[in-house]
N, C-alpha and C. Protein backbone atom coordinates (compact mmCIF):
# COMPACT_ATOMS: atom_id res chain seq x y z
N MET A 1 7.83 -8.81 17.77
CA MET A 1 6.61 -9.57 17.59
C MET A 1 6.67 -10.78 18.50
N SER A 2 5.63 -10.98 19.26
CA SER A 2 5.67 -12.04 20.26
C SER A 2 5.16 -13.38 19.75
N GLN A 3 4.14 -13.39 18.91
CA GLN A 3 3.54 -14.66 18.54
C GLN A 3 2.67 -14.53 17.30
N VAL A 4 2.61 -15.59 16.51
CA VAL A 4 1.63 -15.70 15.44
C VAL A 4 0.72 -16.85 15.83
N ARG A 5 -0.56 -16.56 15.90
CA ARG A 5 -1.55 -17.55 16.32
C ARG A 5 -2.45 -17.88 15.13
N PHE A 6 -2.96 -19.10 15.10
CA PHE A 6 -3.83 -19.49 14.00
C PHE A 6 -4.96 -20.37 14.49
N THR A 7 -5.97 -20.48 13.64
CA THR A 7 -7.08 -21.40 13.85
C THR A 7 -7.50 -21.94 12.50
N ILE A 8 -8.18 -23.06 12.53
CA ILE A 8 -8.73 -23.68 11.33
C ILE A 8 -10.16 -24.07 11.67
N PHE A 9 -11.11 -23.70 10.80
CA PHE A 9 -12.51 -24.02 11.07
C PHE A 9 -13.27 -24.18 9.77
N ASP A 10 -14.40 -24.87 9.85
CA ASP A 10 -15.23 -25.13 8.67
C ASP A 10 -16.13 -23.94 8.37
N THR A 11 -16.26 -23.63 7.07
CA THR A 11 -17.18 -22.60 6.60
C THR A 11 -17.88 -23.14 5.35
N ARG A 12 -18.80 -22.38 4.84
CA ARG A 12 -19.47 -22.80 3.60
C ARG A 12 -18.53 -22.75 2.40
N LEU A 13 -17.35 -22.10 2.56
CA LEU A 13 -16.35 -22.07 1.49
C LEU A 13 -15.32 -23.19 1.64
N GLY A 14 -15.47 -23.99 2.68
CA GLY A 14 -14.51 -25.04 2.96
C GLY A 14 -13.76 -24.71 4.24
N GLU A 15 -12.76 -25.50 4.53
CA GLU A 15 -11.97 -25.30 5.74
C GLU A 15 -11.19 -23.99 5.63
N MET A 16 -11.34 -23.12 6.61
CA MET A 16 -10.72 -21.80 6.58
C MET A 16 -9.57 -21.74 7.57
N PHE A 17 -8.47 -21.14 7.13
CA PHE A 17 -7.28 -20.93 7.95
C PHE A 17 -7.17 -19.44 8.22
N VAL A 18 -7.05 -19.07 9.50
CA VAL A 18 -6.90 -17.66 9.87
C VAL A 18 -5.73 -17.57 10.84
N ALA A 19 -4.84 -16.61 10.58
CA ALA A 19 -3.71 -16.37 11.48
C ALA A 19 -3.66 -14.90 11.83
N ALA A 20 -3.11 -14.60 13.02
CA ALA A 20 -3.04 -13.22 13.48
C ALA A 20 -1.77 -12.99 14.30
N THR A 21 -1.28 -11.78 14.19
CA THR A 21 -0.23 -11.28 15.07
C THR A 21 -0.92 -10.38 16.09
N GLU A 22 -0.14 -9.77 16.96
CA GLU A 22 -0.76 -8.84 17.91
C GLU A 22 -1.31 -7.60 17.20
N LYS A 23 -0.91 -7.35 15.94
CA LYS A 23 -1.43 -6.21 15.18
C LYS A 23 -2.78 -6.51 14.53
N GLY A 24 -3.08 -7.79 14.32
CA GLY A 24 -4.33 -8.15 13.68
C GLY A 24 -4.21 -9.37 12.80
N VAL A 25 -5.27 -9.67 12.07
CA VAL A 25 -5.30 -10.82 11.18
C VAL A 25 -4.27 -10.60 10.07
N CYS A 26 -3.38 -11.56 9.91
CA CYS A 26 -2.31 -11.43 8.91
C CYS A 26 -2.44 -12.42 7.77
N ASN A 27 -3.32 -13.42 7.92
CA ASN A 27 -3.49 -14.40 6.87
C ASN A 27 -4.87 -15.03 6.98
N LEU A 28 -5.55 -15.13 5.86
CA LEU A 28 -6.84 -15.79 5.79
C LEU A 28 -6.82 -16.57 4.49
N HIS A 29 -6.99 -17.86 4.59
CA HIS A 29 -6.88 -18.70 3.39
C HIS A 29 -7.97 -19.76 3.40
N TYR A 30 -8.59 -19.97 2.27
CA TYR A 30 -9.59 -21.02 2.13
C TYR A 30 -9.55 -21.56 0.72
N PRO A 31 -9.65 -22.84 0.53
CA PRO A 31 -9.66 -23.82 1.60
C PRO A 31 -8.27 -23.96 2.21
N TYR A 32 -8.24 -24.50 3.43
CA TYR A 32 -6.99 -24.72 4.13
C TYR A 32 -6.09 -25.64 3.31
N GLU A 33 -4.81 -25.29 3.24
CA GLU A 33 -3.84 -26.10 2.51
C GLU A 33 -2.65 -26.41 3.41
N GLN A 34 -2.08 -27.57 3.22
CA GLN A 34 -0.84 -27.90 3.90
C GLN A 34 0.22 -26.88 3.48
N GLY A 35 1.09 -26.54 4.36
CA GLY A 35 2.16 -25.60 4.03
C GLY A 35 1.91 -24.18 4.50
N LEU A 36 0.67 -23.86 4.88
CA LEU A 36 0.38 -22.50 5.32
C LEU A 36 1.12 -22.16 6.62
N ILE A 37 1.20 -23.10 7.53
CA ILE A 37 1.89 -22.85 8.79
C ILE A 37 3.37 -22.64 8.54
N HIS A 38 3.95 -23.43 7.65
CA HIS A 38 5.36 -23.25 7.30
C HIS A 38 5.61 -21.87 6.68
N ARG A 39 4.69 -21.43 5.80
CA ARG A 39 4.85 -20.10 5.19
C ARG A 39 4.78 -18.99 6.22
N LEU A 40 3.89 -19.13 7.21
CA LEU A 40 3.82 -18.13 8.28
C LEU A 40 5.14 -18.09 9.05
N LYS A 41 5.68 -19.25 9.35
CA LYS A 41 6.96 -19.33 10.07
C LYS A 41 8.05 -18.63 9.26
N ARG A 42 8.08 -18.87 7.97
CA ARG A 42 9.07 -18.24 7.09
C ARG A 42 8.87 -16.72 7.03
N ASP A 43 7.61 -16.29 6.86
CA ASP A 43 7.33 -14.86 6.69
C ASP A 43 7.52 -14.05 7.96
N PHE A 44 7.19 -14.63 9.11
CA PHE A 44 7.24 -13.88 10.36
C PHE A 44 8.39 -14.28 11.27
N GLY A 45 9.09 -15.37 10.94
CA GLY A 45 10.23 -15.79 11.74
C GLY A 45 9.85 -16.37 13.09
N LEU A 46 8.63 -16.80 13.23
CA LEU A 46 8.16 -17.39 14.49
C LEU A 46 7.38 -18.66 14.21
N GLN A 47 7.42 -19.58 15.14
CA GLN A 47 6.61 -20.80 15.02
C GLN A 47 5.17 -20.47 15.39
N PRO A 48 4.24 -20.56 14.43
CA PRO A 48 2.83 -20.28 14.74
C PRO A 48 2.27 -21.28 15.76
N VAL A 49 1.35 -20.79 16.58
CA VAL A 49 0.73 -21.58 17.63
C VAL A 49 -0.78 -21.58 17.39
N ARG A 50 -1.37 -22.75 17.47
CA ARG A 50 -2.83 -22.82 17.31
C ARG A 50 -3.49 -22.22 18.55
N ASP A 51 -4.45 -21.32 18.32
CA ASP A 51 -5.15 -20.66 19.43
C ASP A 51 -6.58 -20.36 18.99
N ASP A 52 -7.42 -21.38 19.05
CA ASP A 52 -8.82 -21.25 18.62
C ASP A 52 -9.56 -20.21 19.46
N GLN A 53 -9.27 -20.17 20.73
CA GLN A 53 -9.99 -19.26 21.63
C GLN A 53 -9.70 -17.79 21.31
N MET A 54 -8.42 -17.45 21.13
CA MET A 54 -8.07 -16.05 20.84
C MET A 54 -8.70 -15.59 19.52
N LEU A 55 -8.79 -16.50 18.55
CA LEU A 55 -9.30 -16.12 17.23
C LEU A 55 -10.81 -16.37 17.08
N GLU A 56 -11.47 -16.74 18.15
CA GLU A 56 -12.92 -16.95 18.10
C GLU A 56 -13.69 -15.72 17.61
N PRO A 57 -13.34 -14.49 18.06
CA PRO A 57 -14.07 -13.32 17.55
C PRO A 57 -13.95 -13.15 16.03
N VAL A 58 -12.79 -13.46 15.48
CA VAL A 58 -12.60 -13.37 14.02
C VAL A 58 -13.43 -14.45 13.34
N LYS A 59 -13.41 -15.65 13.90
CA LYS A 59 -14.21 -16.75 13.37
C LYS A 59 -15.69 -16.36 13.35
N ARG A 60 -16.17 -15.75 14.43
CA ARG A 60 -17.59 -15.33 14.48
C ARG A 60 -17.89 -14.31 13.39
N GLU A 61 -16.98 -13.35 13.19
CA GLU A 61 -17.22 -12.34 12.15
C GLU A 61 -17.25 -12.97 10.76
N ILE A 62 -16.32 -13.85 10.47
CA ILE A 62 -16.28 -14.50 9.16
C ILE A 62 -17.55 -15.32 8.95
N THR A 63 -17.95 -16.06 9.96
CA THR A 63 -19.16 -16.88 9.87
C THR A 63 -20.39 -15.99 9.65
N ALA A 64 -20.46 -14.88 10.37
CA ALA A 64 -21.58 -13.94 10.21
C ALA A 64 -21.57 -13.32 8.81
N TYR A 65 -20.40 -12.95 8.31
CA TYR A 65 -20.30 -12.39 6.96
C TYR A 65 -20.81 -13.40 5.94
N LEU A 66 -20.32 -14.64 6.05
CA LEU A 66 -20.70 -15.67 5.07
C LEU A 66 -22.16 -16.08 5.18
N SER A 67 -22.80 -15.80 6.31
CA SER A 67 -24.23 -16.09 6.43
C SER A 67 -25.08 -14.88 6.02
N GLY A 68 -24.42 -13.78 5.68
CA GLY A 68 -25.14 -12.59 5.22
C GLY A 68 -25.60 -11.67 6.33
N THR A 69 -25.16 -11.88 7.56
CA THR A 69 -25.60 -11.03 8.67
C THR A 69 -24.58 -9.98 9.08
N LEU A 70 -23.39 -9.98 8.48
CA LEU A 70 -22.36 -8.98 8.79
C LEU A 70 -21.92 -8.32 7.50
N ARG A 71 -21.92 -7.01 7.49
CA ARG A 71 -21.48 -6.26 6.31
C ARG A 71 -20.09 -5.67 6.46
N ASN A 72 -19.71 -5.32 7.67
CA ASN A 72 -18.41 -4.67 7.90
C ASN A 72 -17.65 -5.39 8.99
N PHE A 73 -16.45 -5.81 8.66
CA PHE A 73 -15.59 -6.45 9.65
C PHE A 73 -15.06 -5.41 10.62
N THR A 74 -14.95 -5.79 11.88
CA THR A 74 -14.38 -4.89 12.89
C THR A 74 -13.00 -5.35 13.34
N CYS A 75 -12.62 -6.58 12.99
CA CYS A 75 -11.31 -7.07 13.41
C CYS A 75 -10.22 -6.28 12.69
N THR A 76 -9.10 -6.11 13.36
CA THR A 76 -7.98 -5.40 12.76
C THR A 76 -7.18 -6.34 11.87
N VAL A 77 -6.44 -5.76 10.95
CA VAL A 77 -5.61 -6.55 10.05
C VAL A 77 -4.16 -6.09 10.16
N ASP A 78 -3.26 -7.02 9.94
CA ASP A 78 -1.83 -6.75 9.91
C ASP A 78 -1.38 -6.93 8.47
N LEU A 79 -1.17 -5.83 7.78
CA LEU A 79 -0.78 -5.87 6.36
C LEU A 79 0.70 -5.53 6.19
N SER A 80 1.49 -5.80 7.19
CA SER A 80 2.90 -5.40 7.20
C SER A 80 3.76 -6.20 6.23
N GLN A 81 3.29 -7.33 5.75
CA GLN A 81 4.13 -8.18 4.92
C GLN A 81 4.15 -7.79 3.44
N GLY A 82 3.37 -6.82 3.02
CA GLY A 82 3.34 -6.44 1.62
C GLY A 82 4.33 -5.35 1.28
N THR A 83 4.49 -5.12 -0.03
CA THR A 83 5.29 -3.99 -0.49
C THR A 83 4.51 -2.69 -0.24
N GLU A 84 5.15 -1.58 -0.44
CA GLU A 84 4.46 -0.30 -0.24
C GLU A 84 3.25 -0.18 -1.17
N PHE A 85 3.40 -0.56 -2.45
CA PHE A 85 2.28 -0.49 -3.38
C PHE A 85 1.17 -1.45 -2.96
N GLN A 86 1.53 -2.67 -2.58
CA GLN A 86 0.51 -3.63 -2.15
C GLN A 86 -0.28 -3.10 -0.96
N ARG A 87 0.42 -2.54 0.02
CA ARG A 87 -0.28 -2.01 1.20
C ARG A 87 -1.22 -0.87 0.81
N LYS A 88 -0.82 -0.01 -0.13
CA LYS A 88 -1.72 1.05 -0.61
C LYS A 88 -2.95 0.44 -1.29
N ALA A 89 -2.71 -0.58 -2.10
CA ALA A 89 -3.82 -1.23 -2.80
C ALA A 89 -4.77 -1.89 -1.81
N TRP A 90 -4.22 -2.57 -0.81
CA TRP A 90 -5.07 -3.23 0.19
C TRP A 90 -5.87 -2.22 0.99
N GLN A 91 -5.27 -1.07 1.27
CA GLN A 91 -6.01 -0.01 1.97
C GLN A 91 -7.15 0.50 1.07
N ALA A 92 -6.90 0.59 -0.23
CA ALA A 92 -7.95 1.00 -1.17
C ALA A 92 -9.09 -0.01 -1.16
N LEU A 93 -8.76 -1.29 -1.13
CA LEU A 93 -9.80 -2.33 -1.10
C LEU A 93 -10.71 -2.18 0.11
N LEU A 94 -10.13 -1.77 1.22
CA LEU A 94 -10.92 -1.58 2.44
C LEU A 94 -11.95 -0.46 2.29
N ARG A 95 -11.76 0.41 1.30
CA ARG A 95 -12.70 1.52 1.07
C ARG A 95 -13.84 1.16 0.11
N ILE A 96 -13.83 -0.05 -0.41
CA ILE A 96 -14.92 -0.47 -1.30
C ILE A 96 -16.09 -0.93 -0.42
N PRO A 97 -17.22 -0.28 -0.52
CA PRO A 97 -18.36 -0.64 0.34
C PRO A 97 -18.92 -2.03 0.02
N TYR A 98 -19.52 -2.61 1.01
CA TYR A 98 -20.25 -3.87 0.87
C TYR A 98 -21.27 -3.72 -0.25
N GLY A 99 -21.34 -4.72 -1.13
CA GLY A 99 -22.33 -4.70 -2.20
C GLY A 99 -21.96 -3.84 -3.38
N LYS A 100 -20.75 -3.31 -3.42
CA LYS A 100 -20.28 -2.48 -4.53
C LYS A 100 -19.05 -3.12 -5.14
N VAL A 101 -18.76 -2.78 -6.37
CA VAL A 101 -17.54 -3.25 -7.01
C VAL A 101 -16.77 -2.07 -7.58
N ARG A 102 -15.50 -2.28 -7.76
CA ARG A 102 -14.60 -1.32 -8.40
C ARG A 102 -13.74 -2.10 -9.37
N THR A 103 -13.03 -1.38 -10.23
CA THR A 103 -12.15 -2.02 -11.21
C THR A 103 -10.70 -1.95 -10.74
N TYR A 104 -9.86 -2.74 -11.41
CA TYR A 104 -8.42 -2.69 -11.12
C TYR A 104 -7.87 -1.31 -11.43
N ALA A 105 -8.42 -0.64 -12.44
CA ALA A 105 -8.00 0.73 -12.76
C ALA A 105 -8.34 1.67 -11.61
N TRP A 106 -9.49 1.48 -10.97
CA TRP A 106 -9.86 2.30 -9.82
C TRP A 106 -8.85 2.10 -8.69
N VAL A 107 -8.47 0.84 -8.42
CA VAL A 107 -7.49 0.56 -7.37
C VAL A 107 -6.18 1.26 -7.70
N ALA A 108 -5.74 1.18 -8.95
CA ALA A 108 -4.49 1.84 -9.36
C ALA A 108 -4.57 3.35 -9.14
N LYS A 109 -5.69 3.96 -9.49
CA LYS A 109 -5.85 5.41 -9.27
C LYS A 109 -5.81 5.74 -7.79
N GLU A 110 -6.43 4.90 -6.96
CA GLU A 110 -6.42 5.12 -5.52
C GLU A 110 -4.99 5.05 -4.95
N CYS A 111 -4.12 4.35 -5.65
CA CYS A 111 -2.71 4.23 -5.24
C CYS A 111 -1.85 5.32 -5.86
N ASN A 112 -2.49 6.29 -6.52
CA ASN A 112 -1.79 7.37 -7.22
C ASN A 112 -0.88 6.86 -8.33
N SER A 113 -1.27 5.75 -8.93
CA SER A 113 -0.55 5.16 -10.05
C SER A 113 -1.56 4.70 -11.09
N PRO A 114 -2.21 5.65 -11.79
CA PRO A 114 -3.35 5.30 -12.64
C PRO A 114 -3.06 4.29 -13.75
N LYS A 115 -1.81 4.14 -14.14
CA LYS A 115 -1.49 3.17 -15.19
C LYS A 115 -1.10 1.81 -14.63
N ALA A 116 -1.09 1.67 -13.32
CA ALA A 116 -0.61 0.44 -12.68
C ALA A 116 -1.75 -0.54 -12.39
N PHE A 117 -2.70 -0.66 -13.33
CA PHE A 117 -3.83 -1.55 -13.08
C PHE A 117 -3.39 -3.02 -13.02
N ARG A 118 -2.34 -3.40 -13.74
CA ARG A 118 -1.84 -4.78 -13.63
C ARG A 118 -1.19 -5.01 -12.28
N ALA A 119 -0.47 -4.01 -11.79
CA ALA A 119 0.12 -4.12 -10.44
C ALA A 119 -0.99 -4.18 -9.40
N ALA A 120 -2.08 -3.45 -9.64
CA ALA A 120 -3.22 -3.51 -8.73
C ALA A 120 -3.81 -4.92 -8.73
N GLY A 121 -3.87 -5.53 -9.89
CA GLY A 121 -4.33 -6.92 -9.97
C GLY A 121 -3.40 -7.86 -9.22
N GLY A 122 -2.10 -7.61 -9.35
CA GLY A 122 -1.13 -8.42 -8.61
C GLY A 122 -1.28 -8.25 -7.11
N ALA A 123 -1.55 -7.02 -6.67
CA ALA A 123 -1.75 -6.77 -5.24
C ALA A 123 -3.00 -7.49 -4.75
N CYS A 124 -4.05 -7.46 -5.56
CA CYS A 124 -5.27 -8.19 -5.18
C CYS A 124 -4.98 -9.69 -5.07
N HIS A 125 -4.22 -10.21 -6.02
CA HIS A 125 -3.88 -11.62 -6.01
C HIS A 125 -3.03 -11.98 -4.79
N SER A 126 -2.20 -11.05 -4.33
CA SER A 126 -1.32 -11.29 -3.17
C SER A 126 -1.97 -10.94 -1.84
N ASN A 127 -3.20 -10.50 -1.85
CA ASN A 127 -3.90 -10.10 -0.64
C ASN A 127 -3.88 -11.24 0.38
N PRO A 128 -3.26 -11.05 1.54
CA PRO A 128 -3.17 -12.14 2.50
C PRO A 128 -4.43 -12.34 3.34
N VAL A 129 -5.36 -11.40 3.30
CA VAL A 129 -6.55 -11.50 4.15
C VAL A 129 -7.83 -11.22 3.35
N GLY A 130 -8.00 -11.99 2.25
CA GLY A 130 -9.22 -11.88 1.46
C GLY A 130 -10.45 -12.06 2.34
N LEU A 131 -11.57 -11.61 1.88
CA LEU A 131 -12.84 -11.48 2.59
C LEU A 131 -12.79 -10.23 3.46
N ILE A 132 -11.85 -10.18 4.42
CA ILE A 132 -11.77 -9.01 5.31
C ILE A 132 -11.29 -7.80 4.52
N VAL A 133 -10.24 -7.97 3.73
CA VAL A 133 -9.79 -6.96 2.77
C VAL A 133 -10.38 -7.45 1.44
N PRO A 134 -11.49 -6.83 0.99
CA PRO A 134 -12.37 -7.44 -0.01
C PRO A 134 -11.89 -7.37 -1.46
N CYS A 135 -10.89 -8.15 -1.81
CA CYS A 135 -10.42 -8.17 -3.19
C CYS A 135 -11.47 -8.77 -4.13
N HIS A 136 -12.45 -9.51 -3.58
CA HIS A 136 -13.50 -10.07 -4.43
C HIS A 136 -14.39 -8.97 -5.01
N ARG A 137 -14.29 -7.76 -4.49
CA ARG A 137 -15.10 -6.64 -4.99
C ARG A 137 -14.43 -5.90 -6.15
N VAL A 138 -13.35 -6.46 -6.67
CA VAL A 138 -12.64 -5.84 -7.79
C VAL A 138 -12.83 -6.72 -9.02
N VAL A 139 -13.25 -6.09 -10.11
CA VAL A 139 -13.54 -6.80 -11.36
C VAL A 139 -12.82 -6.12 -12.51
N GLY A 140 -12.83 -6.78 -13.66
CA GLY A 140 -12.25 -6.20 -14.86
C GLY A 140 -13.04 -4.98 -15.30
N SER A 141 -12.44 -4.15 -16.14
CA SER A 141 -13.10 -2.91 -16.56
C SER A 141 -14.37 -3.18 -17.35
N ASP A 142 -14.51 -4.41 -17.87
CA ASP A 142 -15.74 -4.79 -18.57
C ASP A 142 -16.72 -5.51 -17.65
N GLY A 143 -16.40 -5.57 -16.36
CA GLY A 143 -17.27 -6.23 -15.39
C GLY A 143 -17.00 -7.71 -15.22
N SER A 144 -16.00 -8.24 -15.94
CA SER A 144 -15.75 -9.68 -15.89
C SER A 144 -15.14 -10.12 -14.56
N MET A 145 -15.38 -11.38 -14.25
CA MET A 145 -14.92 -11.99 -13.00
C MET A 145 -13.48 -12.45 -13.13
N THR A 146 -12.57 -11.53 -13.28
CA THR A 146 -11.17 -11.88 -13.45
C THR A 146 -10.43 -11.80 -12.12
N GLY A 147 -9.29 -12.45 -12.07
CA GLY A 147 -8.34 -12.24 -10.99
C GLY A 147 -8.76 -12.65 -9.61
N PHE A 148 -9.31 -13.82 -9.43
CA PHE A 148 -9.65 -14.27 -8.07
C PHE A 148 -9.30 -15.73 -7.97
N GLY A 149 -8.56 -16.08 -6.94
CA GLY A 149 -8.18 -17.47 -6.75
C GLY A 149 -7.34 -17.99 -7.89
N GLY A 150 -6.44 -17.11 -8.40
CA GLY A 150 -5.59 -17.53 -9.50
C GLY A 150 -6.35 -17.78 -10.78
N ASN A 151 -7.51 -17.16 -10.91
CA ASN A 151 -8.38 -17.34 -12.08
C ASN A 151 -8.84 -18.77 -12.25
N SER A 152 -8.82 -19.56 -11.18
CA SER A 152 -9.32 -20.93 -11.27
C SER A 152 -10.83 -20.91 -11.36
N ASP A 153 -11.41 -22.01 -11.83
CA ASP A 153 -12.86 -22.10 -11.88
C ASP A 153 -13.46 -21.94 -10.48
N ARG A 154 -12.83 -22.57 -9.49
CA ARG A 154 -13.31 -22.45 -8.12
C ARG A 154 -13.24 -21.00 -7.66
N GLY A 155 -12.13 -20.33 -7.97
CA GLY A 155 -11.97 -18.93 -7.57
C GLY A 155 -13.04 -18.04 -8.16
N ARG A 156 -13.32 -18.22 -9.45
CA ARG A 156 -14.36 -17.42 -10.10
C ARG A 156 -15.73 -17.71 -9.49
N CYS A 157 -15.99 -18.98 -9.19
CA CYS A 157 -17.28 -19.34 -8.58
C CYS A 157 -17.43 -18.72 -7.20
N VAL A 158 -16.36 -18.74 -6.41
CA VAL A 158 -16.40 -18.15 -5.07
C VAL A 158 -16.61 -16.64 -5.18
N LYS A 159 -15.87 -15.99 -6.09
CA LYS A 159 -16.02 -14.55 -6.27
C LYS A 159 -17.46 -14.22 -6.66
N LEU A 160 -18.00 -14.94 -7.62
CA LEU A 160 -19.37 -14.72 -8.06
C LEU A 160 -20.34 -14.92 -6.91
N GLU A 161 -20.15 -15.97 -6.12
CA GLU A 161 -21.05 -16.24 -5.00
C GLU A 161 -20.97 -15.13 -3.95
N LEU A 162 -19.76 -14.65 -3.65
CA LEU A 162 -19.62 -13.57 -2.66
C LEU A 162 -20.29 -12.29 -3.15
N LEU A 163 -20.11 -11.96 -4.42
CA LEU A 163 -20.74 -10.75 -4.97
C LEU A 163 -22.26 -10.90 -5.01
N ARG A 164 -22.74 -12.09 -5.37
CA ARG A 164 -24.18 -12.34 -5.35
C ARG A 164 -24.74 -12.19 -3.94
N MET A 165 -24.00 -12.77 -2.96
CA MET A 165 -24.42 -12.71 -1.57
C MET A 165 -24.52 -11.25 -1.09
N GLU A 166 -23.62 -10.40 -1.61
CA GLU A 166 -23.63 -8.98 -1.24
C GLU A 166 -24.65 -8.18 -2.04
N GLY A 167 -25.33 -8.82 -2.98
CA GLY A 167 -26.38 -8.15 -3.74
C GLY A 167 -25.89 -7.34 -4.93
N VAL A 168 -24.70 -7.64 -5.43
CA VAL A 168 -24.18 -6.93 -6.60
C VAL A 168 -24.95 -7.37 -7.84
N PRO A 169 -25.53 -6.43 -8.60
CA PRO A 169 -26.27 -6.79 -9.81
C PRO A 169 -25.37 -7.47 -10.84
N MET A 170 -25.85 -8.56 -11.43
CA MET A 170 -25.09 -9.31 -12.42
C MET A 170 -25.75 -9.19 -13.78
N ASN A 171 -24.95 -9.44 -14.83
CA ASN A 171 -25.54 -9.44 -16.17
C ASN A 171 -26.39 -10.68 -16.37
N LYS A 172 -27.03 -10.80 -17.51
CA LYS A 172 -27.98 -11.88 -17.74
C LYS A 172 -27.36 -13.27 -17.66
N ASP A 173 -26.13 -13.42 -18.15
CA ASP A 173 -25.53 -14.75 -18.13
C ASP A 173 -24.75 -15.02 -16.84
N ILE A 174 -24.82 -14.10 -15.91
CA ILE A 174 -24.26 -14.23 -14.56
C ILE A 174 -22.78 -14.58 -14.58
N THR A 175 -22.05 -14.04 -15.53
CA THR A 175 -20.60 -14.24 -15.53
C THR A 175 -19.86 -12.94 -15.31
N ALA A 176 -20.62 -11.86 -15.23
CA ALA A 176 -19.99 -10.55 -15.04
C ALA A 176 -20.95 -9.63 -14.30
N VAL A 177 -20.36 -8.63 -13.69
CA VAL A 177 -21.15 -7.58 -13.04
C VAL A 177 -21.79 -6.74 -14.11
N ASP A 178 -23.02 -6.33 -13.91
CA ASP A 178 -23.70 -5.44 -14.84
C ASP A 178 -22.87 -4.16 -14.97
N ARG A 179 -22.40 -3.83 -16.15
CA ARG A 179 -21.48 -2.70 -16.37
C ARG A 179 -22.06 -1.37 -15.90
N ARG A 180 -23.37 -1.25 -15.83
CA ARG A 180 -23.97 0.00 -15.37
C ARG A 180 -23.61 0.30 -13.92
N PHE A 181 -23.18 -0.74 -13.19
CA PHE A 181 -22.89 -0.55 -11.77
C PHE A 181 -21.39 -0.42 -11.49
N LEU A 182 -20.59 -0.37 -12.54
CA LEU A 182 -19.14 -0.19 -12.37
C LEU A 182 -18.84 1.26 -12.08
N ARG A 183 -17.79 1.47 -11.30
CA ARG A 183 -17.36 2.82 -11.00
C ARG A 183 -15.87 2.92 -11.12
């Protein structure tokens, strides 16, 4: 591996941190937090280098997605840092269409481990490239907004906003996906 490059830019979700290897985007975090560069150095064994120009195409895609004009990301992702189960789960997330939701049980079944819905939740929580690998499209079996951003209030609000932006039907109190649309 030759280099890990990163950029930081403003979005409607706050300051966004994006890093990439030559294989693709390996980290996407918002809001930006101190310590992310150190974690990349630890995980990849290289000193990350800021490269706004190289990551401009990814920035444009993220900005277009957040403005509602992009439905499918074309940038590649580097998911090499996960366990075998996590990588299977992240690949399953990539198969969830824009504007649709699936449950943690669905992710577990896609990983050929139908009883591993908690592990699927853990994989979603460990997803290093949220938005691009759409863990926000996974909800509880009852449609509830669980498991996003460490279940923080901010995380739930962001998840709800992303699903709303994608046109996912919500229940009357807007705290859960309408169960009729679960699969």
